[in-house]
N, C-alpha and C. Protein backbone atom coordinates (compact mmCIF):
# COMPACT_ATOMS: atom_id res chain seq x y z
N MET A 1 0.84 -1.18 0.00
CA MET A 1 0.00 0.00 0.00
C MET A 1 0.89 1.25 0.00
N LEU A 2 1.84 1.29 0.86
CA LEU A 2 2.70 2.46 0.93
C LEU A 2 3.70 2.51 -0.24
N VAL A 3 4.22 1.35 -0.61
CA VAL A 3 5.22 1.30 -1.66
C VAL A 3 4.62 1.60 -3.02
N LYS A 4 3.46 1.01 -3.30
CA LYS A 4 2.83 1.15 -4.63
C LYS A 4 1.87 2.33 -4.71
N GLY A 5 1.57 2.94 -3.61
CA GLY A 5 0.66 4.08 -3.61
C GLY A 5 -0.78 3.73 -3.91
N GLN A 6 -1.18 2.51 -3.57
CA GLN A 6 -2.56 2.07 -3.83
C GLN A 6 -3.40 2.24 -2.58
N ASN A 7 -4.71 2.36 -2.79
CA ASN A 7 -5.64 2.45 -1.67
C ASN A 7 -5.76 1.10 -0.99
N TYR A 8 -6.14 1.14 0.27
CA TYR A 8 -6.35 -0.09 1.04
C TYR A 8 -7.62 -0.78 0.59
N ASN A 9 -7.56 -2.08 0.31
CA ASN A 9 -8.73 -2.88 -0.03
C ASN A 9 -9.05 -3.80 1.14
N SER A 10 -10.21 -3.64 1.67
CA SER A 10 -10.66 -4.45 2.80
C SER A 10 -10.71 -5.93 2.42
N PRO A 11 -10.33 -6.82 3.33
CA PRO A 11 -10.38 -8.26 3.03
C PRO A 11 -11.78 -8.76 2.70
N THR A 12 -12.81 -8.05 3.08
CA THR A 12 -14.16 -8.50 2.78
C THR A 12 -14.46 -8.43 1.29
N GLN A 13 -13.63 -7.73 0.53
CA GLN A 13 -13.84 -7.65 -0.91
C GLN A 13 -13.30 -8.87 -1.65
N TYR A 14 -12.46 -9.64 -1.00
CA TYR A 14 -11.88 -10.82 -1.63
C TYR A 14 -12.86 -11.98 -1.53
N MET A 15 -12.80 -12.87 -2.51
CA MET A 15 -13.63 -14.06 -2.46
C MET A 15 -13.05 -15.03 -1.44
N PHE A 16 -13.91 -15.73 -0.79
CA PHE A 16 -13.45 -16.77 0.11
C PHE A 16 -12.99 -17.96 -0.72
N LEU A 17 -12.13 -18.76 -0.16
CA LEU A 17 -11.53 -19.88 -0.88
C LEU A 17 -12.57 -20.84 -1.44
N ASP A 18 -13.62 -21.13 -0.67
CA ASP A 18 -14.65 -22.06 -1.17
C ASP A 18 -15.40 -21.47 -2.36
N GLU A 19 -15.56 -20.14 -2.41
CA GLU A 19 -16.20 -19.51 -3.56
C GLU A 19 -15.32 -19.64 -4.79
N LYS A 20 -14.01 -19.48 -4.62
CA LYS A 20 -13.08 -19.63 -5.75
C LYS A 20 -13.11 -21.05 -6.28
N ARG A 21 -13.13 -22.01 -5.37
CA ARG A 21 -13.18 -23.42 -5.80
C ARG A 21 -14.47 -23.71 -6.55
N ARG A 22 -15.58 -23.19 -6.07
CA ARG A 22 -16.88 -23.41 -6.71
C ARG A 22 -16.88 -22.81 -8.12
N LEU A 23 -16.36 -21.60 -8.27
CA LEU A 23 -16.31 -20.98 -9.58
C LEU A 23 -15.41 -21.76 -10.53
N GLY A 24 -14.30 -22.28 -10.01
CA GLY A 24 -13.41 -23.10 -10.83
C GLY A 24 -14.09 -24.38 -11.27
N LEU A 25 -14.85 -24.98 -10.38
CA LEU A 25 -15.58 -26.21 -10.72
C LEU A 25 -16.61 -25.94 -11.80
N VAL A 26 -17.35 -24.85 -11.66
CA VAL A 26 -18.37 -24.50 -12.66
C VAL A 26 -17.71 -24.27 -14.02
N LYS A 27 -16.58 -23.59 -14.01
CA LYS A 27 -15.86 -23.32 -15.25
C LYS A 27 -15.42 -24.62 -15.93
N ARG A 28 -14.88 -25.55 -15.13
CA ARG A 28 -14.45 -26.84 -15.69
C ARG A 28 -15.63 -27.64 -16.23
N LEU A 29 -16.75 -27.62 -15.50
CA LEU A 29 -17.93 -28.36 -15.94
C LEU A 29 -18.47 -27.80 -17.25
N LYS A 30 -18.52 -26.48 -17.37
CA LYS A 30 -18.99 -25.87 -18.61
C LYS A 30 -18.09 -26.27 -19.77
N LYS A 31 -16.79 -26.29 -19.54
CA LYS A 31 -15.84 -26.66 -20.59
C LYS A 31 -16.05 -28.11 -21.01
N GLN A 32 -16.27 -29.01 -20.04
CA GLN A 32 -16.47 -30.42 -20.35
C GLN A 32 -17.80 -30.65 -21.06
N ILE A 33 -18.84 -29.92 -20.67
CA ILE A 33 -20.14 -30.03 -21.33
C ILE A 33 -20.00 -29.66 -22.80
N THR A 34 -19.27 -28.59 -23.07
CA THR A 34 -19.04 -28.17 -24.45
C THR A 34 -18.20 -29.21 -25.19
N LYS A 35 -17.16 -29.69 -24.55
CA LYS A 35 -16.24 -30.65 -25.17
C LYS A 35 -16.96 -31.93 -25.59
N PHE A 36 -17.81 -32.44 -24.72
CA PHE A 36 -18.49 -33.70 -24.99
C PHE A 36 -19.86 -33.51 -25.65
N GLU A 37 -20.19 -32.28 -26.01
CA GLU A 37 -21.43 -31.94 -26.71
C GLU A 37 -22.65 -32.50 -25.99
N ILE A 38 -22.72 -32.26 -24.69
CA ILE A 38 -23.83 -32.73 -23.87
C ILE A 38 -24.96 -31.71 -23.95
N LYS A 39 -26.16 -32.20 -24.15
CA LYS A 39 -27.35 -31.35 -24.23
C LYS A 39 -27.96 -31.21 -22.85
N PRO A 40 -28.63 -30.07 -22.58
CA PRO A 40 -29.25 -29.87 -21.25
C PRO A 40 -30.23 -30.96 -20.87
N GLU A 41 -30.98 -31.48 -21.83
CA GLU A 41 -31.96 -32.53 -21.51
C GLU A 41 -31.27 -33.84 -21.10
N GLN A 42 -30.03 -34.04 -21.53
CA GLN A 42 -29.28 -35.22 -21.11
C GLN A 42 -28.86 -35.11 -19.65
N LEU A 43 -28.71 -33.90 -19.16
CA LEU A 43 -28.31 -33.70 -17.77
C LEU A 43 -29.49 -33.72 -16.82
N ARG A 44 -30.69 -33.63 -17.38
CA ARG A 44 -31.95 -33.65 -16.61
C ARG A 44 -32.03 -32.51 -15.62
N PHE A 45 -31.53 -31.33 -16.01
CA PHE A 45 -31.70 -30.14 -15.20
C PHE A 45 -33.09 -29.59 -15.46
N THR A 46 -33.70 -29.04 -14.44
CA THR A 46 -35.00 -28.40 -14.63
C THR A 46 -34.84 -26.93 -14.36
N THR A 47 -35.46 -26.11 -15.19
CA THR A 47 -35.45 -24.66 -14.98
C THR A 47 -36.87 -24.18 -14.88
N ASN A 48 -37.08 -23.23 -14.01
CA ASN A 48 -38.43 -22.66 -13.83
C ASN A 48 -38.40 -21.20 -14.16
């Protein structure tokens, strides 16, 4: 902060580790769904 002249960022602005892991998992799943050409009806997800 002092060396780089940047403002202080509160730790509450950072994602918690479990949130980062969840986002990484979602990203990998989306990539695999695209790779294997899986259709939403094959996954049996329901949307309302």
